[in-house]
Amino acid sequence: RIDPIKGIGRIFSARSLMELGKTILKFLLVAAVAVTILWQLSDWLL
């Protein structure tokens, strides 16, 4: 787990790419839902 060679390999592995894709997808989804909800609740918040 502390081997630098294997650590570099894990960085560019399919799992790391999958984690990066999930992070971007989560940000986009949550941001889109949050903006939509705030837009719908703008009158109520005011």
PDB file of all heavy atoms in Angstrom:
ATOM      1  N   ARG A   1       0.810  -1.207   0.000  1.00  0.00           N
ATOM      2  CA  ARG A   1       0.000   0.000   0.000  1.00  0.00           C
ATOM      3  C   ARG A   1       0.852   1.270   0.000  1.00  0.00           C
ATOM      4  O   ARG A   1       0.360   2.340  -0.352  1.00  0.00           O
ATOM      5  CB  ARG A   1      -0.930   0.003   1.207  1.00  0.00           C
ATOM      6  CG  ARG A   1      -1.989  -1.099   1.153  1.00  0.00           C
ATOM      7  CD  ARG A   1      -2.836  -1.112   2.393  1.00  0.00           C
ATOM      8  NE  ARG A   1      -3.862  -2.157   2.343  1.00  0.00           N
ATOM      9  CZ  ARG A   1      -4.672  -2.474   3.350  1.00  0.00           C
ATOM     10  NH1 ARG A   1      -4.573  -1.820   4.500  1.00  0.00           N
ATOM     11  NH2 ARG A   1      -5.561  -3.430   3.217  1.00  0.00           N
ATOM     12  N   ILE A   2       2.109   1.143   0.459  1.00  0.00           N
ATOM     13  CA  ILE A   2       3.001   2.304   0.458  1.00  0.00           C
ATOM     14  C   ILE A   2       4.050   2.206  -0.640  1.00  0.00           C
ATOM     15  O   ILE A   2       4.995   2.994  -0.663  1.00  0.00           O
ATOM     16  CB  ILE A   2       3.673   2.463   1.842  1.00  0.00           C
ATOM     17  CG1 ILE A   2       4.501   1.205   2.180  1.00  0.00           C
ATOM     18  CG2 ILE A   2       2.648   2.738   2.915  1.00  0.00           C
ATOM     19  CD1 ILE A   2       5.298   1.345   3.478  1.00  0.00           C
ATOM     20  N   ASP A   3       3.897   1.235  -1.534  1.00  0.00           N
ATOM     21  CA  ASP A   3       4.812   1.101  -2.669  1.00  0.00           C
ATOM     22  C   ASP A   3       4.529   2.219  -3.669  1.00  0.00           C
ATOM     23  O   ASP A   3       3.421   2.313  -4.209  1.00  0.00           O
ATOM     24  CB  ASP A   3       4.618  -0.267  -3.327  1.00  0.00           C
ATOM     25  CG  ASP A   3       5.653  -0.535  -4.406  1.00  0.00           C
ATOM     26  OD1 ASP A   3       6.343   0.418  -4.818  1.00  0.00           O
ATOM     27  OD2 ASP A   3       5.781  -1.694  -4.837  1.00  0.00           O
ATOM     28  N   PRO A   4       5.506   3.113  -3.946  1.00  0.00           N
ATOM     29  CA  PRO A   4       5.234   4.237  -4.865  1.00  0.00           C
ATOM     30  C   PRO A   4       4.910   3.790  -6.275  1.00  0.00           C
ATOM     31  O   PRO A   4       4.104   4.426  -6.964  1.00  0.00           O
ATOM     32  CB  PRO A   4       6.531   5.057  -4.802  1.00  0.00           C
ATOM     33  CG  PRO A   4       7.576   4.100  -4.323  1.00  0.00           C
ATOM     34  CD  PRO A   4       6.878   3.136  -3.423  1.00  0.00           C
ATOM     35  N   ILE A   5       5.532   2.717  -6.746  1.00  0.00           N
ATOM     36  CA  ILE A   5       5.270   2.236  -8.111  1.00  0.00           C
ATOM     37  C   ILE A   5       3.824   1.789  -8.244  1.00  0.00           C
ATOM     38  O   ILE A   5       3.108   2.184  -9.175  1.00  0.00           O
ATOM     39  CB  ILE A   5       6.219   1.077  -8.478  1.00  0.00           C
ATOM     40  CG1 ILE A   5       7.690   1.507  -8.316  1.00  0.00           C
ATOM     41  CG2 ILE A   5       5.949   0.609  -9.899  1.00  0.00           C
ATOM     42  CD1 ILE A   5       8.078   2.670  -9.198  1.00  0.00           C
ATOM     43  N   LYS A   6       3.379   0.982  -7.286  1.00  0.00           N
ATOM     44  CA  LYS A   6       1.990   0.526  -7.326  1.00  0.00           C
ATOM     45  C   LYS A   6       1.035   1.683  -7.063  1.00  0.00           C
ATOM     46  O   LYS A   6      -0.089   1.690  -7.574  1.00  0.00           O
ATOM     47  CB  LYS A   6       1.771  -0.583  -6.295  1.00  0.00           C
ATOM     48  CG  LYS A   6       2.513  -1.870  -6.636  1.00  0.00           C
ATOM     49  CD  LYS A   6       2.163  -2.976  -5.656  1.00  0.00           C
ATOM     50  CE  LYS A   6       2.867  -4.279  -6.062  1.00  0.00           C
ATOM     51  NZ  LYS A   6       2.543  -5.390  -5.131  1.00  0.00           N
ATOM     52  N   GLY A   7       1.476   2.664  -6.267  1.00  0.00           N
ATOM     53  CA  GLY A   7       0.628   3.822  -6.035  1.00  0.00           C
ATOM     54  C   GLY A   7       0.379   4.607  -7.308  1.00  0.00           C
ATOM     55  O   GLY A   7      -0.747   5.046  -7.578  1.00  0.00           O
ATOM     56  N   ILE A   8       1.433   4.793  -8.131  1.00  0.00           N
ATOM     57  CA  ILE A   8       1.262   5.477  -9.418  1.00  0.00           C
ATOM     58  C   ILE A   8       0.346   4.680 -10.328  1.00  0.00           C
ATOM     59  O   ILE A   8      -0.499   5.229 -11.045  1.00  0.00           O
ATOM     60  CB  ILE A   8       2.640   5.714 -10.071  1.00  0.00           C
ATOM     61  CG1 ILE A   8       3.466   6.679  -9.212  1.00  0.00           C
ATOM     62  CG2 ILE A   8       2.478   6.253 -11.483  1.00  0.00           C
ATOM     63  CD1 ILE A   8       4.884   6.861  -9.695  1.00  0.00           C
ATOM     64  N   GLY A   9       0.514   3.346 -10.267  1.00  0.00           N
ATOM     65  CA  GLY A   9      -0.366   2.496 -11.079  1.00  0.00           C
ATOM     66  C   GLY A   9      -1.823   2.618 -10.681  1.00  0.00           C
ATOM     67  O   GLY A   9      -2.714   2.612 -11.541  1.00  0.00           O
ATOM     68  N   ARG A  10      -2.067   2.767  -9.370  1.00  0.00           N
ATOM     69  CA  ARG A  10      -3.450   2.926  -8.919  1.00  0.00           C
ATOM     70  C   ARG A  10      -4.026   4.269  -9.342  1.00  0.00           C
ATOM     71  O   ARG A  10      -5.222   4.386  -9.596  1.00  0.00           O
ATOM     72  CB  ARG A  10      -3.529   2.769  -7.399  1.00  0.00           C
ATOM     73  CG  ARG A  10      -3.368   1.342  -6.908  1.00  0.00           C
ATOM     74  CD  ARG A  10      -3.764   1.219  -5.449  1.00  0.00           C
ATOM     75  NE  ARG A  10      -2.850   1.945  -4.593  1.00  0.00           N
ATOM     76  CZ  ARG A  10      -1.785   1.400  -4.007  1.00  0.00           C
ATOM     77  NH1 ARG A  10      -1.491   0.127  -4.231  1.00  0.00           N
ATOM     78  NH2 ARG A  10      -0.996   2.117  -3.219  1.00  0.00           N
ATOM     79  N   ILE A  11      -3.167   5.281  -9.438  1.00  0.00           N
ATOM     80  CA  ILE A  11      -3.650   6.610  -9.838  1.00  0.00           C
ATOM     81  C   ILE A  11      -4.208   6.589 -11.252  1.00  0.00           C
ATOM     82  O   ILE A  11      -5.232   7.216 -11.555  1.00  0.00           O
ATOM     83  CB  ILE A  11      -2.506   7.642  -9.713  1.00  0.00           C
ATOM     84  CG1 ILE A  11      -2.147   7.847  -8.239  1.00  0.00           C
ATOM     85  CG2 ILE A  11      -2.914   8.976 -10.351  1.00  0.00           C
ATOM     86  CD1 ILE A  11      -0.961   8.753  -8.020  1.00  0.00           C
ATOM     87  N   PHE A  12      -3.556   5.843 -12.136  1.00  0.00           N
ATOM     88  CA  PHE A  12      -3.970   5.809 -13.538  1.00  0.00           C
ATOM     89  C   PHE A  12      -4.721   4.526 -13.883  1.00  0.00           C
ATOM     90  O   PHE A  12      -4.773   4.118 -15.038  1.00  0.00           O
ATOM     91  CB  PHE A  12      -2.740   5.948 -14.451  1.00  0.00           C
ATOM     92  CG  PHE A  12      -2.020   7.257 -14.292  1.00  0.00           C
ATOM     93  CD1 PHE A  12      -0.884   7.339 -13.494  1.00  0.00           C
ATOM     94  CD2 PHE A  12      -2.497   8.391 -14.906  1.00  0.00           C
ATOM     95  CE1 PHE A  12      -0.222   8.547 -13.332  1.00  0.00           C
ATOM     96  CE2 PHE A  12      -1.836   9.600 -14.754  1.00  0.00           C
ATOM     97  CZ  PHE A  12      -0.700   9.687 -13.967  1.00  0.00           C
ATOM     98  N   SER A  13      -5.282   3.874 -12.885  1.00  0.00           N
ATOM     99  CA  SER A  13      -6.025   2.640 -13.114  1.00  0.00           C
ATOM    100  C   SER A  13      -7.453   2.937 -13.523  1.00  0.00           C
ATOM    101  O   SER A  13      -7.928   4.076 -13.447  1.00  0.00           O
ATOM    102  CB  SER A  13      -6.010   1.780 -11.846  1.00  0.00           C
ATOM    103  OG  SER A  13      -6.692   2.446 -10.807  1.00  0.00           O
ATOM    104  N   ALA A  14      -8.149   1.872 -13.946  1.00  0.00           N
ATOM    105  CA  ALA A  14      -9.555   2.022 -14.330  1.00  0.00           C
ATOM    106  C   ALA A  14     -10.406   2.464 -13.147  1.00  0.00           C
ATOM    107  O   ALA A  14     -11.357   3.233 -13.298  1.00  0.00           O
ATOM    108  CB  ALA A  14     -10.073   0.693 -14.891  1.00  0.00           C
ATOM    109  N   ARG A  15     -10.034   2.013 -11.940  1.00  0.00           N
ATOM    110  CA  ARG A  15     -10.797   2.413 -10.752  1.00  0.00           C
ATOM    111  C   ARG A  15     -10.655   3.909 -10.500  1.00  0.00           C
ATOM    112  O   ARG A  15     -11.640   4.587 -10.165  1.00  0.00           O
ATOM    113  CB  ARG A  15     -10.296   1.619  -9.536  1.00  0.00           C
ATOM    114  CG  ARG A  15     -10.912   2.069  -8.230  1.00  0.00           C
ATOM    115  CD  ARG A  15     -10.432   1.196  -7.091  1.00  0.00           C
ATOM    116  NE  ARG A  15     -11.073  -0.097  -7.180  1.00  0.00           N
ATOM    117  CZ  ARG A  15     -12.256  -0.377  -6.681  1.00  0.00           C
ATOM    118  NH1 ARG A  15     -12.966   0.569  -6.068  1.00  0.00           N
ATOM    119  NH2 ARG A  15     -12.761  -1.590  -6.776  1.00  0.00           N
ATOM    120  N   SER A  16      -9.429   4.452 -10.665  1.00  0.00           N
ATOM    121  CA  SER A  16      -9.235   5.883 -10.445  1.00  0.00           C
ATOM    122  C   SER A  16     -10.005   6.705 -11.466  1.00  0.00           C
ATOM    123  O   SER A  16     -10.601   7.728 -11.132  1.00  0.00           O
ATOM    124  CB  SER A  16      -7.745   6.212 -10.518  1.00  0.00           C
ATOM    125  OG  SER A  16      -7.031   5.541  -9.494  1.00  0.00           O
ATOM    126  N   LEU A  17      -9.995   6.255 -12.708  1.00  0.00           N
ATOM    127  CA  LEU A  17     -10.768   6.968 -13.731  1.00  0.00           C
ATOM    128  C   LEU A  17     -12.254   6.916 -13.413  1.00  0.00           C
ATOM    129  O   LEU A  17     -12.985   7.894 -13.615  1.00  0.00           O
ATOM    130  CB  LEU A  17     -10.481   6.353 -15.102  1.00  0.00           C
ATOM    131  CG  LEU A  17      -9.049   6.528 -15.638  1.00  0.00           C
ATOM    132  CD1 LEU A  17      -8.881   5.788 -16.951  1.00  0.00           C
ATOM    133  CD2 LEU A  17      -8.726   8.011 -15.809  1.00  0.00           C
ATOM    134  N   MET A  18     -12.702   5.757 -12.895  1.00  0.00           N
ATOM    135  CA  MET A  18     -14.104   5.625 -12.521  1.00  0.00           C
ATOM    136  C   MET A  18     -14.438   6.577 -11.367  1.00  0.00           C
ATOM    137  O   MET A  18     -15.495   7.232 -11.364  1.00  0.00           O
ATOM    138  CB  MET A  18     -14.396   4.182 -12.117  1.00  0.00           C
ATOM    139  CG  MET A  18     -15.847   3.915 -11.760  1.00  0.00           C
ATOM    140  SD  MET A  18     -16.928   4.082 -13.183  1.00  0.00           S
ATOM    141  CE  MET A  18     -18.508   3.684 -12.432  1.00  0.00           C
ATOM    142  N   GLU A  19     -13.535   6.673 -10.383  1.00  0.00           N
ATOM    143  CA  GLU A  19     -13.780   7.570  -9.256  1.00  0.00           C
ATOM    144  C   GLU A  19     -13.828   9.019  -9.717  1.00  0.00           C
ATOM    145  O   GLU A  19     -14.657   9.813  -9.235  1.00  0.00           O
ATOM    146  CB  GLU A  19     -12.677   7.387  -8.202  1.00  0.00           C
ATOM    147  CG  GLU A  19     -12.667   6.025  -7.522  1.00  0.00           C
ATOM    148  CD  GLU A  19     -13.927   5.778  -6.722  1.00  0.00           C
ATOM    149  OE1 GLU A  19     -14.528   6.759  -6.224  1.00  0.00           O
ATOM    150  OE2 GLU A  19     -14.330   4.603  -6.607  1.00  0.00           O
ATOM    151  N   LEU A  20     -12.936   9.402 -10.657  1.00  0.00           N
ATOM    152  CA  LEU A  20     -12.949  10.767 -11.177  1.00  0.00           C
ATOM    153  C   LEU A  20     -14.263  11.056 -11.899  1.00  0.00           C
ATOM    154  O   LEU A  20     -14.878  12.121 -11.714  1.00  0.00           O
ATOM    155  CB  LEU A  20     -11.771  10.974 -12.127  1.00  0.00           C
ATOM    156  CG  LEU A  20     -11.693  12.343 -12.823  1.00  0.00           C
ATOM    157  CD1 LEU A  20     -11.565  13.456 -11.792  1.00  0.00           C
ATOM    158  CD2 LEU A  20     -10.530  12.370 -13.811  1.00  0.00           C
ATOM    159  N   GLY A  21     -14.703  10.104 -12.721  1.00  0.00           N
ATOM    160  CA  GLY A  21     -15.969  10.278 -13.427  1.00  0.00           C
ATOM    161  C   GLY A  21     -17.147  10.395 -12.475  1.00  0.00           C
ATOM    162  O   GLY A  21     -18.051  11.220 -12.682  1.00  0.00           O
ATOM    163  N   LYS A  22     -17.128   9.591 -11.395  1.00  0.00           N
ATOM    164  CA  LYS A  22     -18.227   9.659 -10.419  1.00  0.00           C
ATOM    165  C   LYS A  22     -18.227  11.008  -9.699  1.00  0.00           C
ATOM    166  O   LYS A  22     -19.291  11.576  -9.434  1.00  0.00           O
ATOM    167  CB  LYS A  22     -18.091   8.521  -9.405  1.00  0.00           C
ATOM    168  CG  LYS A  22     -18.427   7.155  -9.959  1.00  0.00           C
ATOM    169  CD  LYS A  22     -18.491   6.119  -8.857  1.00  0.00           C
ATOM    170  CE  LYS A  22     -17.195   6.010  -8.109  1.00  0.00           C
ATOM    171  NZ  LYS A  22     -17.223   4.982  -7.062  1.00  0.00           N
ATOM    172  N   THR A  23     -17.037  11.504  -9.370  1.00  0.00           N
ATOM    173  CA  THR A  23     -16.965  12.795  -8.682  1.00  0.00           C
ATOM    174  C   THR A  23     -17.539  13.920  -9.536  1.00  0.00           C
ATOM    175  O   THR A  23     -18.318  14.767  -9.064  1.00  0.00           O
ATOM    176  CB  THR A  23     -15.505  13.103  -8.311  1.00  0.00           C
ATOM    177  OG1 THR A  23     -14.987  12.045  -7.497  1.00  0.00           O
ATOM    178  CG2 THR A  23     -15.402  14.413  -7.557  1.00  0.00           C
ATOM    179  N   ILE A  24     -17.153  13.925 -10.816  1.00  0.00           N
ATOM    180  CA  ILE A  24     -17.679  14.954 -11.724  1.00  0.00           C
ATOM    181  C   ILE A  24     -19.182  14.809 -11.888  1.00  0.00           C
ATOM    182  O   ILE A  24     -19.939  15.797 -11.869  1.00  0.00           O
ATOM    183  CB  ILE A  24     -16.966  14.870 -13.085  1.00  0.00           C
ATOM    184  CG1 ILE A  24     -15.471  15.177 -12.914  1.00  0.00           C
ATOM    185  CG2 ILE A  24     -17.592  15.821 -14.099  1.00  0.00           C
ATOM    186  CD1 ILE A  24     -14.652  14.975 -14.176  1.00  0.00           C
ATOM    187  N   LEU A  25     -19.649  13.563 -12.034  1.00  0.00           N
ATOM    188  CA  LEU A  25     -21.076  13.325 -12.208  1.00  0.00           C
ATOM    189  C   LEU A  25     -21.854  13.750 -10.969  1.00  0.00           C
ATOM    190  O   LEU A  25     -22.926  14.362 -11.076  1.00  0.00           O
ATOM    191  CB  LEU A  25     -21.314  11.844 -12.512  1.00  0.00           C
ATOM    192  CG  LEU A  25     -22.771  11.411 -12.725  1.00  0.00           C
ATOM    193  CD1 LEU A  25     -23.378  12.162 -13.909  1.00  0.00           C
ATOM    194  CD2 LEU A  25     -22.858   9.900 -12.945  1.00  0.00           C
ATOM    195  N   LYS A  26     -21.317  13.448  -9.777  1.00  0.00           N
ATOM    196  CA  LYS A  26     -21.998  13.849  -8.544  1.00  0.00           C
ATOM    197  C   LYS A  26     -22.107  15.367  -8.451  1.00  0.00           C
ATOM    198  O   LYS A  26     -23.153  15.902  -8.086  1.00  0.00           O
ATOM    199  CB  LYS A  26     -21.238  13.294  -7.327  1.00  0.00           C
ATOM    200  CG  LYS A  26     -21.450  11.823  -7.075  1.00  0.00           C
ATOM    201  CD  LYS A  26     -20.871  11.393  -5.749  1.00  0.00           C
ATOM    202  CE  LYS A  26     -19.366  11.451  -5.752  1.00  0.00           C
ATOM    203  NZ  LYS A  26     -18.790  10.922  -4.500  1.00  0.00           N
ATOM    204  N   PHE A  27     -21.006  16.049  -8.770  1.00  0.00           N
ATOM    205  CA  PHE A  27     -21.035  17.507  -8.697  1.00  0.00           C
ATOM    206  C   PHE A  27     -22.077  18.094  -9.653  1.00  0.00           C
ATOM    207  O   PHE A  27     -22.862  18.969  -9.272  1.00  0.00           O
ATOM    208  CB  PHE A  27     -19.650  18.064  -9.027  1.00  0.00           C
ATOM    209  CG  PHE A  27     -19.617  19.560  -9.154  1.00  0.00           C
ATOM    210  CD1 PHE A  27     -19.621  20.365  -8.032  1.00  0.00           C
ATOM    211  CD2 PHE A  27     -19.609  20.159 -10.402  1.00  0.00           C
ATOM    212  CE1 PHE A  27     -19.614  21.751  -8.151  1.00  0.00           C
ATOM    213  CE2 PHE A  27     -19.597  21.542 -10.527  1.00  0.00           C
ATOM    214  CZ  PHE A  27     -19.600  22.348  -9.398  1.00  0.00           C
ATOM    215  N   LEU A  28     -22.103  17.588 -10.877  1.00  0.00           N
ATOM    216  CA  LEU A  28     -23.038  18.119 -11.857  1.00  0.00           C
ATOM    217  C   LEU A  28     -24.481  17.832 -11.458  1.00  0.00           C
ATOM    218  O   LEU A  28     -25.356  18.703 -11.572  1.00  0.00           O
ATOM    219  CB  LEU A  28     -22.731  17.534 -13.237  1.00  0.00           C
ATOM    220  CG  LEU A  28     -21.382  17.939 -13.855  1.00  0.00           C
ATOM    221  CD1 LEU A  28     -21.170  17.219 -15.180  1.00  0.00           C
ATOM    222  CD2 LEU A  28     -21.306  19.450 -14.041  1.00  0.00           C
ATOM    223  N   LEU A  29     -24.730  16.608 -10.989  1.00  0.00           N
ATOM    224  CA  LEU A  29     -26.094  16.248 -10.618  1.00  0.00           C
ATOM    225  C   LEU A  29     -26.584  17.063  -9.421  1.00  0.00           C
ATOM    226  O   LEU A  29     -27.694  17.623  -9.432  1.00  0.00           O
ATOM    227  CB  LEU A  29     -26.170  14.757 -10.296  1.00  0.00           C
ATOM    228  CG  LEU A  29     -26.164  13.800 -11.490  1.00  0.00           C
ATOM    229  CD1 LEU A  29     -26.087  12.362 -10.997  1.00  0.00           C
ATOM    230  CD2 LEU A  29     -27.413  13.989 -12.329  1.00  0.00           C
ATOM    231  N   VAL A  30     -25.770  17.095  -8.367  1.00  0.00           N
ATOM    232  CA  VAL A  30     -26.187  17.819  -7.167  1.00  0.00           C
ATOM    233  C   VAL A  30     -26.338  19.308  -7.467  1.00  0.00           C
ATOM    234  O   VAL A  30     -27.288  19.971  -6.998  1.00  0.00           O
ATOM    235  CB  VAL A  30     -25.169  17.582  -6.032  1.00  0.00           C
ATOM    236  CG1 VAL A  30     -25.508  18.455  -4.826  1.00  0.00           C
ATOM    237  CG2 VAL A  30     -25.163  16.110  -5.624  1.00  0.00           C
ATOM    238  N   ALA A  31     -25.422  19.849  -8.257  1.00  0.00           N
ATOM    239  CA  ALA A  31     -25.517  21.271  -8.605  1.00  0.00           C
ATOM    240  C   ALA A  31     -26.785  21.555  -9.400  1.00  0.00           C
ATOM    241  O   ALA A  31     -27.492  22.541  -9.146  1.00  0.00           O
ATOM    242  CB  ALA A  31     -24.276  21.697  -9.390  1.00  0.00           C
ATOM    243  N   ALA A  32     -27.090  20.681 -10.375  1.00  0.00           N
ATOM    244  CA  ALA A  32     -28.283  20.882 -11.198  1.00  0.00           C
ATOM    245  C   ALA A  32     -29.552  20.792 -10.352  1.00  0.00           C
ATOM    246  O   ALA A  32     -30.472  21.617 -10.481  1.00  0.00           O
ATOM    247  CB  ALA A  32     -28.317  19.857 -12.324  1.00  0.00           C
ATOM    248  N   VAL A  33     -29.611  19.787  -9.466  1.00  0.00           N
ATOM    249  CA  VAL A  33     -30.788  19.635  -8.614  1.00  0.00           C
ATOM    250  C   VAL A  33     -30.898  20.809  -7.645  1.00  0.00           C
ATOM    251  O   VAL A  33     -31.990  21.343  -7.407  1.00  0.00           O
ATOM    252  CB  VAL A  33     -30.737  18.300  -7.853  1.00  0.00           C
ATOM    253  CG1 VAL A  33     -31.866  18.200  -6.846  1.00  0.00           C
ATOM    254  CG2 VAL A  33     -30.814  17.132  -8.828  1.00  0.00           C
ATOM    255  N   ALA A  34     -29.768  21.248  -7.080  1.00  0.00           N
ATOM    256  CA  ALA A  34     -29.797  22.351  -6.127  1.00  0.00           C
ATOM    257  C   ALA A  34     -30.269  23.643  -6.794  1.00  0.00           C
ATOM    258  O   ALA A  34     -31.101  24.384  -6.225  1.00  0.00           O
ATOM    259  CB  ALA A  34     -28.407  22.542  -5.522  1.00  0.00           C
ATOM    260  N   VAL A  35     -29.768  23.922  -7.991  1.00  0.00           N
ATOM    261  CA  VAL A  35     -30.185  25.131  -8.702  1.00  0.00           C
ATOM    262  C   VAL A  35     -31.670  25.067  -9.028  1.00  0.00           C
ATOM    263  O   VAL A  35     -32.412  26.056  -8.871  1.00  0.00           O
ATOM    264  CB  VAL A  35     -29.343  25.322  -9.984  1.00  0.00           C
ATOM    265  CG1 VAL A  35     -29.933  26.435 -10.860  1.00  0.00           C
ATOM    266  CG2 VAL A  35     -27.904  25.641  -9.622  1.00  0.00           C
ATOM    267  N   THR A  36     -32.135  23.899  -9.458  1.00  0.00           N
ATOM    268  CA  THR A  36     -33.558  23.744  -9.784  1.00  0.00           C
ATOM    269  C   THR A  36     -34.432  23.958  -8.546  1.00  0.00           C
ATOM    270  O   THR A  36     -35.471  24.642  -8.602  1.00  0.00           O
ATOM    271  CB  THR A  36     -33.806  22.345 -10.368  1.00  0.00           C
ATOM    272  OG1 THR A  36     -32.978  22.159 -11.527  1.00  0.00           O
ATOM    273  CG2 THR A  36     -35.263  22.177 -10.763  1.00  0.00           C
ATOM    274  N   ILE A  37     -34.015  23.384  -7.421  1.00  0.00           N
ATOM    275  CA  ILE A  37     -34.803  23.523  -6.193  1.00  0.00           C
ATOM    276  C   ILE A  37     -34.826  24.975  -5.728  1.00  0.00           C
ATOM    277  O   ILE A  37     -35.880  25.516  -5.348  1.00  0.00           O
ATOM    278  CB  ILE A  37     -34.237  22.603  -5.098  1.00  0.00           C
ATOM    279  CG1 ILE A  37     -34.467  21.129  -5.476  1.00  0.00           C
ATOM    280  CG2 ILE A  37     -34.891  22.891  -3.749  1.00  0.00           C
ATOM    281  CD1 ILE A  37     -33.826  20.151  -4.523  1.00  0.00           C
ATOM    282  N   LEU A  38     -33.660  25.633  -5.745  1.00  0.00           N
ATOM    283  CA  LEU A  38     -33.613  27.028  -5.314  1.00  0.00           C
ATOM    284  C   LEU A  38     -34.463  27.921  -6.227  1.00  0.00           C
ATOM    285  O   LEU A  38     -35.102  28.869  -5.755  1.00  0.00           O
ATOM    286  CB  LEU A  38     -32.165  27.514  -5.298  1.00  0.00           C
ATOM    287  CG  LEU A  38     -31.275  26.929  -4.191  1.00  0.00           C
ATOM    288  CD1 LEU A  38     -29.841  27.402  -4.358  1.00  0.00           C
ATOM    289  CD2 LEU A  38     -31.805  27.318  -2.813  1.00  0.00           C
ATOM    290  N   TRP A  39     -34.456  27.598  -7.503  1.00  0.00           N
ATOM    291  CA  TRP A  39     -35.279  28.375  -8.433  1.00  0.00           C
ATOM    292  C   TRP A  39     -36.760  28.210  -8.117  1.00  0.00           C
ATOM    293  O   TRP A  39     -37.524  29.171  -8.135  1.00  0.00           O
ATOM    294  CB  TRP A  39     -34.977  27.937  -9.848  1.00  0.00           C
ATOM    295  CG  TRP A  39     -35.762  28.689 -10.900  1.00  0.00           C
ATOM    296  CD1 TRP A  39     -36.925  28.323 -11.496  1.00  0.00           C
ATOM    297  CD2 TRP A  39     -35.437  29.965 -11.441  1.00  0.00           C
ATOM    298  NE1 TRP A  39     -37.353  29.252 -12.389  1.00  0.00           N
ATOM    299  CE2 TRP A  39     -36.446  30.293 -12.385  1.00  0.00           C
ATOM    300  CE3 TRP A  39     -34.386  30.870 -11.239  1.00  0.00           C
ATOM    301  CZ2 TRP A  39     -36.444  31.475 -13.103  1.00  0.00           C
ATOM    302  CZ3 TRP A  39     -34.377  32.041 -11.974  1.00  0.00           C
ATOM    303  CH2 TRP A  39     -35.402  32.347 -12.879  1.00  0.00           C
ATOM    304  N   GLN A  40     -37.160  26.964  -7.813  1.00  0.00           N
ATOM    305  CA  GLN A  40     -38.559  26.699  -7.511  1.00  0.00           C
ATOM    306  C   GLN A  40     -38.977  27.305  -6.164  1.00  0.00           C
ATOM    307  O   GLN A  40     -40.135  27.672  -5.967  1.00  0.00           O
ATOM    308  CB  GLN A  40     -38.811  25.183  -7.491  1.00  0.00           C
ATOM    309  CG  GLN A  40     -38.616  24.501  -8.831  1.00  0.00           C
ATOM    310  CD  GLN A  40     -39.673  24.908  -9.840  1.00  0.00           C
ATOM    311  OE1 GLN A  40     -40.813  25.214  -9.488  1.00  0.00           O
ATOM    312  NE2 GLN A  40     -39.285  24.930 -11.118  1.00  0.00           N
ATOM    313  N   LEU A  41     -38.029  27.415  -5.228  1.00  0.00           N
ATOM    314  CA  LEU A  41     -38.361  27.897  -3.884  1.00  0.00           C
ATOM    315  C   LEU A  41     -38.034  29.376  -3.690  1.00  0.00           C
ATOM    316  O   LEU A  41     -38.085  29.869  -2.552  1.00  0.00           O
ATOM    317  CB  LEU A  41     -37.596  27.077  -2.832  1.00  0.00           C
ATOM    318  CG  LEU A  41     -37.930  25.587  -2.728  1.00  0.00           C
ATOM    319  CD1 LEU A  41     -37.065  24.930  -1.672  1.00  0.00           C
ATOM    320  CD2 LEU A  41     -39.403  25.378  -2.413  1.00  0.00           C
ATOM    321  N   SER A  42     -37.692  30.062  -4.747  1.00  0.00           N
ATOM    322  CA  SER A  42     -37.276  31.462  -4.595  1.00  0.00           C
ATOM    323  C   SER A  42     -38.391  32.312  -3.976  1.00  0.00           C
ATOM    324  O   SER A  42     -38.138  33.117  -3.059  1.00  0.00           O
ATOM    325  CB  SER A  42     -36.842  32.026  -5.945  1.00  0.00           C
ATOM    326  OG  SER A  42     -37.912  31.919  -6.899  1.00  0.00           O
ATOM    327  N   ASP A  43     -39.606  32.157  -4.448  1.00  0.00           N
ATOM    328  CA  ASP A  43     -40.721  32.942  -3.896  1.00  0.00           C
ATOM    329  C   ASP A  43     -40.966  32.596  -2.431  1.00  0.00           C
ATOM    330  O   ASP A  43     -41.233  33.487  -1.610  1.00  0.00           O
ATOM    331  CB  ASP A  43     -41.990  32.719  -4.721  1.00  0.00           C
ATOM    332  CG  ASP A  43     -41.860  33.255  -6.143  1.00  0.00           C
ATOM    333  OD1 ASP A  43     -41.004  34.135  -6.353  1.00  0.00           O
ATOM    334  OD2 ASP A  43     -42.592  32.781  -7.032  1.00  0.00           O
ATOM    335  N   TRP A  44     -40.900  31.326  -2.119  1.00  0.00           N
ATOM    336  CA  TRP A  44     -41.126  30.900  -0.721  1.00  0.00           C
ATOM    337  C   TRP A  44     -40.037  31.440   0.197  1.00  0.00           C
ATOM    338  O   TRP A  44     -40.309  31.882   1.322  1.00  0.00           O
ATOM    339  CB  TRP A  44     -41.171  29.371  -0.661  1.00  0.00           C
ATOM    340  CG  TRP A  44     -41.419  28.834   0.712  1.00  0.00           C
ATOM    341  CD1 TRP A  44     -42.610  28.720   1.351  1.00  0.00           C
ATOM    342  CD2 TRP A  44     -40.429  28.355   1.637  1.00  0.00           C
ATOM    343  NE1 TRP A  44     -42.444  28.193   2.604  1.00  0.00           N
ATOM    344  CE2 TRP A  44     -41.106  27.953   2.815  1.00  0.00           C
ATOM    345  CE3 TRP A  44     -39.039  28.217   1.573  1.00  0.00           C
ATOM    346  CZ2 TRP A  44     -40.442  27.444   3.905  1.00  0.00           C
ATOM    347  CZ3 TRP A  44     -38.380  27.698   2.681  1.00  0.00           C
ATOM    348  CH2 TRP A  44     -39.076  27.320   3.824  1.00  0.00           C
ATOM    349  N   LEU A  45     -38.768  31.416  -0.260  1.00  0.00           N
ATOM    350  CA  LEU A  45     -37.671  31.936   0.552  1.00  0.00           C
ATOM    351  C   LEU A  45     -37.821  33.433   0.792  1.00  0.00           C
ATOM    352  O   LEU A  45     -37.550  33.932   1.895  1.00  0.00           O
ATOM    353  CB  LEU A  45     -36.336  31.641  -0.141  1.00  0.00           C
ATOM    354  CG  LEU A  45     -35.917  30.163  -0.200  1.00  0.00           C
ATOM    355  CD1 LEU A  45     -34.665  30.005  -1.057  1.00  0.00           C
ATOM    356  CD2 LEU A  45     -35.664  29.618   1.195  1.00  0.00           C
ATOM    357  N   LEU A  46     -38.258  34.166  -0.232  1.00  0.00           N
ATOM    358  CA  LEU A  46     -38.474  35.599  -0.049  1.00  0.00           C
ATOM    359  C   LEU A  46     -39.624  35.869   0.909  1.00  0.00           C
ATOM    360  O   LEU A  46     -39.615  36.862   1.662  1.00  0.00           O
ATOM    361  CB  LEU A  46     -38.748  36.260  -1.410  1.00  0.00           C
ATOM    362  CG  LEU A  46     -37.558  36.279  -2.390  1.00  0.00           C
ATOM    363  CD1 LEU A  46     -37.996  36.824  -3.750  1.00  0.00           C
ATOM    364  CD2 LEU A  46     -36.404  37.097  -1.831  1.00  0.00           C
TER     365      LEU A  46
END
